[in-house]
Amino acid sequence: MQGKNRRDIVPGTEVCVVLKKDQRTGKLTRGFVKDVLTRSAGHPHGIKVRLTDGQVGRVKKIPSAIPVTGCFASCNE
């Protein structure tokens, strides 16, 4: 599932985000949502969130919605 709809993301949701510093490379960072920062219902580049560790980025994937073939799903799969 992609993170373009605000209704799919609530505090505590595990997400993969792209941080501002990683936008050129597209490197994803995995974490848990602390705050949802985007106020609109949707955003074409992903909903902006603050992770529990304080980092801010736009949601690109929601790993819990990704079918897991092994024990862990990676953000970069």
PDB file of N, CA and C in Angstrom:
ATOM      1  N   MET A   1       0.846  -1.172   0.000  1.00  0.00           N
ATOM      2  CA  MET A   1       0.000   0.000   0.000  1.00  0.00           C
ATOM      3  C   MET A   1       0.891   1.236   0.000  1.00  0.00           C
ATOM      4  N   GLN A   2       0.507   2.205  -0.769  1.00  0.00           N
ATOM      5  CA  GLN A   2       1.260   3.451  -0.830  1.00  0.00           C
ATOM      6  C   GLN A   2       0.667   4.454   0.143  1.00  0.00           C
ATOM      7  N   GLY A   3       1.469   5.420   0.548  1.00  0.00           N
ATOM      8  CA  GLY A   3       1.052   6.362   1.572  1.00  0.00           C
ATOM      9  C   GLY A   3       0.515   7.673   1.057  1.00  0.00           C
ATOM     10  N   LYS A   4      -0.366   7.633   0.067  1.00  0.00           N
ATOM     11  CA  LYS A   4      -0.894   8.866  -0.514  1.00  0.00           C
ATOM     12  C   LYS A   4      -2.224   9.306   0.088  1.00  0.00           C
ATOM     13  N   ASN A   5      -2.865   8.439   0.884  1.00  0.00           N
ATOM     14  CA  ASN A   5      -4.148   8.761   1.496  1.00  0.00           C
ATOM     15  C   ASN A   5      -3.997   8.867   3.004  1.00  0.00           C
ATOM     16  N   ARG A   6      -4.430   9.993   3.538  1.00  0.00           N
ATOM     17  CA  ARG A   6      -4.291  10.257   4.967  1.00  0.00           C
ATOM     18  C   ARG A   6      -5.063   9.248   5.816  1.00  0.00           C
ATOM     19  N   ARG A   7      -6.168   8.752   5.321  1.00  0.00           N
ATOM     20  CA  ARG A   7      -6.990   7.826   6.106  1.00  0.00           C
ATOM     21  C   ARG A   7      -6.277   6.497   6.390  1.00  0.00           C
ATOM     22  N   ASP A   8      -5.242   6.176   5.609  1.00  0.00           N
ATOM     23  CA  ASP A   8      -4.508   4.926   5.804  1.00  0.00           C
ATOM     24  C   ASP A   8      -3.428   5.026   6.877  1.00  0.00           C
ATOM     25  N   ILE A   9      -3.162   6.244   7.365  1.00  0.00           N
ATOM     26  CA  ILE A   9      -2.028   6.470   8.258  1.00  0.00           C
ATOM     27  C   ILE A   9      -2.500   7.103   9.561  1.00  0.00           C
ATOM     28  N   VAL A  10      -2.239   6.426  10.658  1.00  0.00           N
ATOM     29  CA  VAL A  10      -2.586   6.927  11.995  1.00  0.00           C
ATOM     30  C   VAL A  10      -1.346   6.772  12.877  1.00  0.00           C
ATOM     31  N   PRO A  11      -1.270   7.516  13.975  1.00  0.00           N
ATOM     32  CA  PRO A  11      -0.135   7.331  14.890  1.00  0.00           C
ATOM     33  C   PRO A  11       0.010   5.863  15.286  1.00  0.00           C
ATOM     34  N   GLY A  12       1.253   5.390  15.266  1.00  0.00           N
ATOM     35  CA  GLY A  12       1.538   3.996  15.586  1.00  0.00           C
ATOM     36  C   GLY A  12       1.696   3.106  14.370  1.00  0.00           C
ATOM     37  N   THR A  13       1.299   3.595  13.194  1.00  0.00           N
ATOM     38  CA  THR A  13       1.415   2.817  11.957  1.00  0.00           C
ATOM     39  C   THR A  13       2.887   2.688  11.566  1.00  0.00           C
ATOM     40  N   GLU A  14       3.320   1.495  11.177  1.00  0.00           N
ATOM     41  CA  GLU A  14       4.678   1.298  10.680  1.00  0.00           C
ATOM     42  C   GLU A  14       4.705   1.720   9.219  1.00  0.00           C
ATOM     43  N   VAL A  15       5.684   2.563   8.864  1.00  0.00           N
ATOM     44  CA  VAL A  15       5.753   3.109   7.511  1.00  0.00           C
ATOM     45  C   VAL A  15       7.194   3.156   7.010  1.00  0.00           C
ATOM     46  N   CYS A  16       7.330   3.293   5.700  1.00  0.00           N
ATOM     47  CA  CYS A  16       8.609   3.576   5.062  1.00  0.00           C
ATOM     48  C   CYS A  16       8.488   4.974   4.472  1.00  0.00           C
ATOM     49  N   VAL A  17       9.394   5.862   4.885  1.00  0.00           N
ATOM     50  CA  VAL A  17       9.343   7.241   4.418  1.00  0.00           C
ATOM     51  C   VAL A  17      10.625   7.594   3.685  1.00  0.00           C
ATOM     52  N   VAL A  18      10.523   8.606   2.826  1.00  0.00           N
ATOM     53  CA  VAL A  18      11.720   9.184   2.229  1.00  0.00           C
ATOM     54  C   VAL A  18      11.930  10.519   2.937  1.00  0.00           C
ATOM     55  N   LEU A  19      13.105  10.662   3.536  1.00  0.00           N
ATOM     56  CA  LEU A  19      13.452  11.895   4.230  1.00  0.00           C
ATOM     57  C   LEU A  19      13.848  12.955   3.216  1.00  0.00           C
ATOM     58  N   LYS A  20      13.775  14.217   3.599  1.00  0.00           N
ATOM     59  CA  LYS A  20      14.117  15.333   2.701  1.00  0.00           C
ATOM     60  C   LYS A  20      15.532  15.148   2.141  1.00  0.00           C
ATOM     61  N   LYS A  21      16.481  14.779   3.014  1.00  0.00           N
ATOM     62  CA  LYS A  21      17.872  14.620   2.576  1.00  0.00           C
ATOM     63  C   LYS A  21      18.057  13.453   1.607  1.00  0.00           C
ATOM     64  N   ASP A  22      17.114  12.515   1.585  1.00  0.00           N
ATOM     65  CA  ASP A  22      17.225  11.328   0.732  1.00  0.00           C
ATOM     66  C   ASP A  22      16.340  11.386  -0.509  1.00  0.00           C
ATOM     67  N   GLN A  23      15.724  12.531  -0.789  1.00  0.00           N
ATOM     68  CA  GLN A  23      14.803  12.614  -1.923  1.00  0.00           C
ATOM     69  C   GLN A  23      15.487  12.316  -3.251  1.00  0.00           C
ATOM     70  N   ARG A  24      16.727  12.732  -3.420  1.00  0.00           N
ATOM     71  CA  ARG A  24      17.424  12.489  -4.692  1.00  0.00           C
ATOM     72  C   ARG A  24      17.719  11.011  -4.909  1.00  0.00           C
ATOM     73  N   THR A  25      18.059  10.317  -3.834  1.00  0.00           N
ATOM     74  CA  THR A  25      18.410   8.895  -3.967  1.00  0.00           C
ATOM     75  C   THR A  25      17.197   7.989  -3.829  1.00  0.00           C
ATOM     76  N   GLY A  26      16.160   8.459  -3.138  1.00  0.00           N
ATOM     77  CA  GLY A  26      14.969   7.642  -2.925  1.00  0.00           C
ATOM     78  C   GLY A  26      15.122   6.628  -1.809  1.00  0.00           C
ATOM     79  N   LYS A  27      16.199   6.757  -1.002  1.00  0.00           N
ATOM     80  CA  LYS A  27      16.439   5.833   0.110  1.00  0.00           C
ATOM     81  C   LYS A  27      15.280   5.929   1.099  1.00  0.00           C
ATOM     82  N   LEU A  28      14.775   4.773   1.510  1.00  0.00           N
ATOM     83  CA  LEU A  28      13.651   4.731   2.425  1.00  0.00           C
ATOM     84  C   LEU A  28      14.115   4.449   3.850  1.00  0.00           C
ATOM     85  N   THR A  29      13.408   5.050   4.792  1.00  0.00           N
ATOM     86  CA  THR A  29      13.671   4.871   6.216  1.00  0.00           C
ATOM     87  C   THR A  29      12.416   4.305   6.856  1.00  0.00           C
ATOM     88  N   ARG A  30      12.589   3.266   7.654  1.00  0.00           N
ATOM     89  CA  ARG A  30      11.447   2.610   8.291  1.00  0.00           C
ATOM     90  C   ARG A  30      11.266   3.129   9.708  1.00  0.00           C
ATOM     91  N   GLY A  31      10.021   3.324  10.112  1.00  0.00           N
ATOM     92  CA  GLY A  31       9.755   3.790  11.464  1.00  0.00           C
ATOM     93  C   GLY A  31       8.265   3.755  11.761  1.00  0.00           C
ATOM     94  N   PHE A  32       7.920   4.269  12.942  1.00  0.00           N
ATOM     95  CA  PHE A  32       6.527   4.318  13.374  1.00  0.00           C
ATOM     96  C   PHE A  32       6.067   5.764  13.452  1.00  0.00           C
ATOM     97  N   VAL A  33       4.850   6.021  13.008  1.00  0.00           N
ATOM     98  CA  VAL A  33       4.293   7.371  12.955  1.00  0.00           C
ATOM     99  C   VAL A  33       4.012   7.880  14.368  1.00  0.00           C
ATOM    100  N   LYS A  34       4.522   9.075  14.641  1.00  0.00           N
ATOM    101  CA  LYS A  34       4.191   9.776  15.888  1.00  0.00           C
ATOM    102  C   LYS A  34       3.095  10.797  15.606  1.00  0.00           C
ATOM    103  N   ASP A  35       3.288  11.602  14.537  1.00  0.00           N
ATOM    104  CA  ASP A  35       2.331  12.641  14.158  1.00  0.00           C
ATOM    105  C   ASP A  35       2.126  12.639  12.653  1.00  0.00           C
ATOM    106  N   VAL A  36       0.903  12.861  12.220  1.00  0.00           N
ATOM    107  CA  VAL A  36       0.598  13.054  10.803  1.00  0.00           C
ATOM    108  C   VAL A  36       0.602  14.559  10.564  1.00  0.00           C
ATOM    109  N   LEU A  37       1.472  15.037   9.663  1.00  0.00           N
ATOM    110  CA  LEU A  37       1.652  16.467   9.460  1.00  0.00           C
ATOM    111  C   LEU A  37       0.844  17.028   8.302  1.00  0.00           C
ATOM    112  N   THR A  38       0.526  16.206   7.301  1.00  0.00           N
ATOM    113  CA  THR A  38      -0.280  16.659   6.164  1.00  0.00           C
ATOM    114  C   THR A  38      -1.732  16.757   6.608  1.00  0.00           C
ATOM    115  N   ARG A  39      -2.351  17.903   6.344  1.00  0.00           N
ATOM    116  CA  ARG A  39      -3.738  18.108   6.768  1.00  0.00           C
ATOM    117  C   ARG A  39      -4.752  17.685   5.701  1.00  0.00           C
ATOM    118  N   SER A  40      -4.359  17.697   4.441  1.00  0.00           N
ATOM    119  CA  SER A  40      -5.301  17.349   3.383  1.00  0.00           C
ATOM    120  C   SER A  40      -5.539  15.836   3.350  1.00  0.00           C
ATOM    121  N   ALA A  41      -6.602  15.421   2.679  1.00  0.00           N
ATOM    122  CA  ALA A  41      -6.973  14.007   2.609  1.00  0.00           C
ATOM    123  C   ALA A  41      -5.974  13.173   1.824  1.00  0.00           C
ATOM    124  N   GLY A  42      -5.260  13.795   0.912  1.00  0.00           N
ATOM    125  CA  GLY A  42      -4.289  13.077   0.103  1.00  0.00           C
ATOM    126  C   GLY A  42      -3.201  13.999  -0.390  1.00  0.00           C
ATOM    127  N   HIS A  43      -2.090  13.404  -0.824  1.00  0.00           N
ATOM    128  CA  HIS A  43      -0.991  14.178  -1.386  1.00  0.00           C
ATOM    129  C   HIS A  43      -0.297  13.304  -2.422  1.00  0.00           C
ATOM    130  N   PRO A  44      -0.013  13.850  -3.619  1.00  0.00           N
ATOM    131  CA  PRO A  44       0.571  13.030  -4.691  1.00  0.00           C
ATOM    132  C   PRO A  44       1.971  12.485  -4.386  1.00  0.00           C
ATOM    133  N   HIS A  45       2.708  13.138  -3.488  1.00  0.00           N
ATOM    134  CA  HIS A  45       4.062  12.679  -3.157  1.00  0.00           C
ATOM    135  C   HIS A  45       4.120  11.895  -1.859  1.00  0.00           C
ATOM    136  N   GLY A  46       2.973  11.695  -1.222  1.00  0.00           N
ATOM    137  CA  GLY A  46       2.914  10.953   0.031  1.00  0.00           C
ATOM    138  C   GLY A  46       2.580  11.865   1.191  1.00  0.00           C
ATOM    139  N   ILE A  47       1.950  11.295   2.189  1.00  0.00           N
ATOM    140  CA  ILE A  47       1.562  12.036   3.386  1.00  0.00           C
ATOM    141  C   ILE A  47       2.809  12.296   4.224  1.00  0.00           C
ATOM    142  N   LYS A  48       2.968  13.543   4.693  1.00  0.00           N
ATOM    143  CA  LYS A  48       4.122  13.891   5.506  1.00  0.00           C
ATOM    144  C   LYS A  48       3.837  13.514   6.957  1.00  0.00           C
ATOM    145  N   VAL A  49       4.814  12.819   7.578  1.00  0.00           N
ATOM    146  CA  VAL A  49       4.665  12.367   8.958  1.00  0.00           C
ATOM    147  C   VAL A  49       5.946  12.631   9.752  1.00  0.00           C
ATOM    148  N   ARG A  50       5.789  12.667  11.066  1.00  0.00           N
ATOM    149  CA  ARG A  50       6.933  12.692  11.978  1.00  0.00           C
ATOM    150  C   ARG A  50       7.001  11.315  12.604  1.00  0.00           C
ATOM    151  N   LEU A  51       8.181  10.700  12.552  1.00  0.00           N
ATOM    152  CA  LEU A  51       8.378   9.385  13.141  1.00  0.00           C
ATOM    153  C   LEU A  51       8.641   9.519  14.639  1.00  0.00           C
ATOM    154  N   THR A  52       8.565   8.409  15.371  1.00  0.00           N
ATOM    155  CA  THR A  52       8.774   8.436  16.813  1.00  0.00           C
ATOM    156  C   THR A  52      10.177   8.904  17.186  1.00  0.00           C
ATOM    157  N   ASP A  53      11.144   8.756  16.267  1.00  0.00           N
ATOM    158  CA  ASP A  53      12.508   9.220  16.555  1.00  0.00           C
ATOM    159  C   ASP A  53      12.722  10.683  16.152  1.00  0.00           C
ATOM    160  N   GLY A  54      11.660  11.362  15.688  1.00  0.00           N
ATOM    161  CA  GLY A  54      11.739  12.788  15.373  1.00  0.00           C
ATOM    162  C   GLY A  54      11.990  13.117  13.915  1.00  0.00           C
ATOM    163  N   GLN A  55      12.342  12.132  13.100  1.00  0.00           N
ATOM    164  CA  GLN A  55      12.584  12.391  11.679  1.00  0.00           C
ATOM    165  C   GLN A  55      11.263  12.661  10.962  1.00  0.00           C
ATOM    166  N   VAL A  56      11.336  13.533   9.939  1.00  0.00           N
ATOM    167  CA  VAL A  56      10.147  13.901   9.166  1.00  0.00           C
ATOM    168  C   VAL A  56      10.360  13.480   7.716  1.00  0.00           C
ATOM    169  N   GLY A  57       9.338  12.858   7.133  1.00  0.00           N
ATOM    170  CA  GLY A  57       9.427  12.448   5.740  1.00  0.00           C
ATOM    171  C   GLY A  57       8.049  12.144   5.175  1.00  0.00           C
ATOM    172  N   ARG A  58       8.034  11.827   3.884  1.00  0.00           N
ATOM    173  CA  ARG A  58       6.783  11.495   3.202  1.00  0.00           C
ATOM    174  C   ARG A  58       6.662   9.982   3.066  1.00  0.00           C
ATOM    175  N   VAL A  59       5.490   9.465   3.381  1.00  0.00           N
ATOM    176  CA  VAL A  59       5.243   8.019   3.362  1.00  0.00           C
ATOM    177  C   VAL A  59       5.235   7.523   1.916  1.00  0.00           C
ATOM    178  N   LYS A  60       6.041   6.514   1.661  1.00  0.00           N
ATOM    179  CA  LYS A  60       6.089   5.881   0.342  1.00  0.00           C
ATOM    180  C   LYS A  60       5.469   4.490   0.367  1.00  0.00           C
ATOM    181  N   LYS A  61       5.587   3.800   1.490  1.00  0.00           N
ATOM    182  CA  LYS A  61       5.025   2.450   1.620  1.00  0.00           C
ATOM    183  C   LYS A  61       4.545   2.237   3.037  1.00  0.00           C
ATOM    184  N   ILE A  62       3.581   1.339   3.165  1.00  0.00           N
ATOM    185  CA  ILE A  62       3.124   0.901   4.475  1.00  0.00           C
ATOM    186  C   ILE A  62       3.432  -0.594   4.541  1.00  0.00           C
ATOM    187  N   PRO A  63       4.548  -0.975   5.185  1.00  0.00           N
ATOM    188  CA  PRO A  63       5.018  -2.365   5.154  1.00  0.00           C
ATOM    189  C   PRO A  63       4.020  -3.390   5.663  1.00  0.00           C
ATOM    190  N   SER A  64       3.180  -3.045   6.629  1.00  0.00           N
ATOM    191  CA  SER A  64       2.234  -4.027   7.153  1.00  0.00           C
ATOM    192  C   SER A  64       1.243  -4.470   6.080  1.00  0.00           C
ATOM    193  N   ALA A  65       1.113  -3.673   5.010  1.00  0.00           N
ATOM    194  CA  ALA A  65       0.217  -4.016   3.920  1.00  0.00           C
ATOM    195  C   ALA A  65       0.945  -4.742   2.787  1.00  0.00           C
ATOM    196  N   ILE A  66       2.286  -4.883   2.921  1.00  0.00           N
ATOM    197  CA  ILE A  66       3.082  -5.567   1.904  1.00  0.00           C
ATOM    198  C   ILE A  66       3.121  -7.053   2.244  1.00  0.00           C
ATOM    199  N   PRO A  67       2.809  -7.950   1.278  1.00  0.00           N
ATOM    200  CA  PRO A  67       2.896  -9.385   1.564  1.00  0.00           C
ATOM    201  C   PRO A  67       4.320  -9.751   1.964  1.00  0.00           C
ATOM    202  N   VAL A  68       4.472 -10.454   3.052  1.00  0.00           N
ATOM    203  CA  VAL A  68       5.793 -10.811   3.567  1.00  0.00           C
ATOM    204  C   VAL A  68       6.108 -12.233   3.147  1.00  0.00           C
ATOM    205  N   THR A  69       7.268 -12.429   2.483  1.00  0.00           N
ATOM    206  CA  THR A  69       7.657 -13.766   2.067  1.00  0.00           C
ATOM    207  C   THR A  69       8.565 -14.418   3.098  1.00  0.00           C
ATOM    208  N   GLY A  70       9.307 -13.615   3.856  1.00  0.00           N
ATOM    209  CA  GLY A  70      10.162 -14.136   4.919  1.00  0.00           C
ATOM    210  C   GLY A  70       9.649 -13.635   6.249  1.00  0.00           C
ATOM    211  N   CYS A  71      10.551 -13.485   7.186  1.00  0.00           N
ATOM    212  CA  CYS A  71      10.156 -13.001   8.513  1.00  0.00           C
ATOM    213  C   CYS A  71       9.935 -11.503   8.519  1.00  0.00           C
ATOM    214  N   PHE A  72      10.703 -10.778   7.720  1.00  0.00           N
ATOM    215  CA  PHE A  72      10.624  -9.319   7.743  1.00  0.00           C
ATOM    216  C   PHE A  72      10.463  -8.773   6.331  1.00  0.00           C
ATOM    217  N   ALA A  73       9.637  -7.760   6.194  1.00  0.00           N
ATOM    218  CA  ALA A  73       9.513  -7.072   4.901  1.00  0.00           C
ATOM    219  C   ALA A  73      10.439  -5.884   4.947  1.00  0.00           C
ATOM    220  N   SER A  74      11.153  -5.650   3.872  1.00  0.00           N
ATOM    221  CA  SER A  74      12.072  -4.520   3.793  1.00  0.00           C
ATOM    222  C   SER A  74      11.384  -3.348   3.111  1.00  0.00           C
ATOM    223  N   CYS A  75      11.773  -2.154   3.502  1.00  0.00           N
ATOM    224  CA  CYS A  75      11.229  -0.943   2.848  1.00  0.00           C
ATOM    225  C   CYS A  75      11.656  -0.898   1.398  1.00  0.00           C
ATOM    226  N   ASN A  76      12.832  -1.422   1.084  1.00  0.00           N
ATOM    227  CA  ASN A  76      13.376  -1.288  -0.255  1.00  0.00           C
ATOM    228  C   ASN A  76      13.027  -2.446  -1.172  1.00  0.00           C
ATOM    229  N   GLU A  77      12.044  -3.251  -0.796  1.00  0.00           N
ATOM    230  CA  GLU A  77      11.632  -4.361  -1.680  1.00  0.00           C
ATOM    231  C   GLU A  77      10.707  -3.858  -2.756  1.00  0.00           C
TER     232      GLU A  77
END
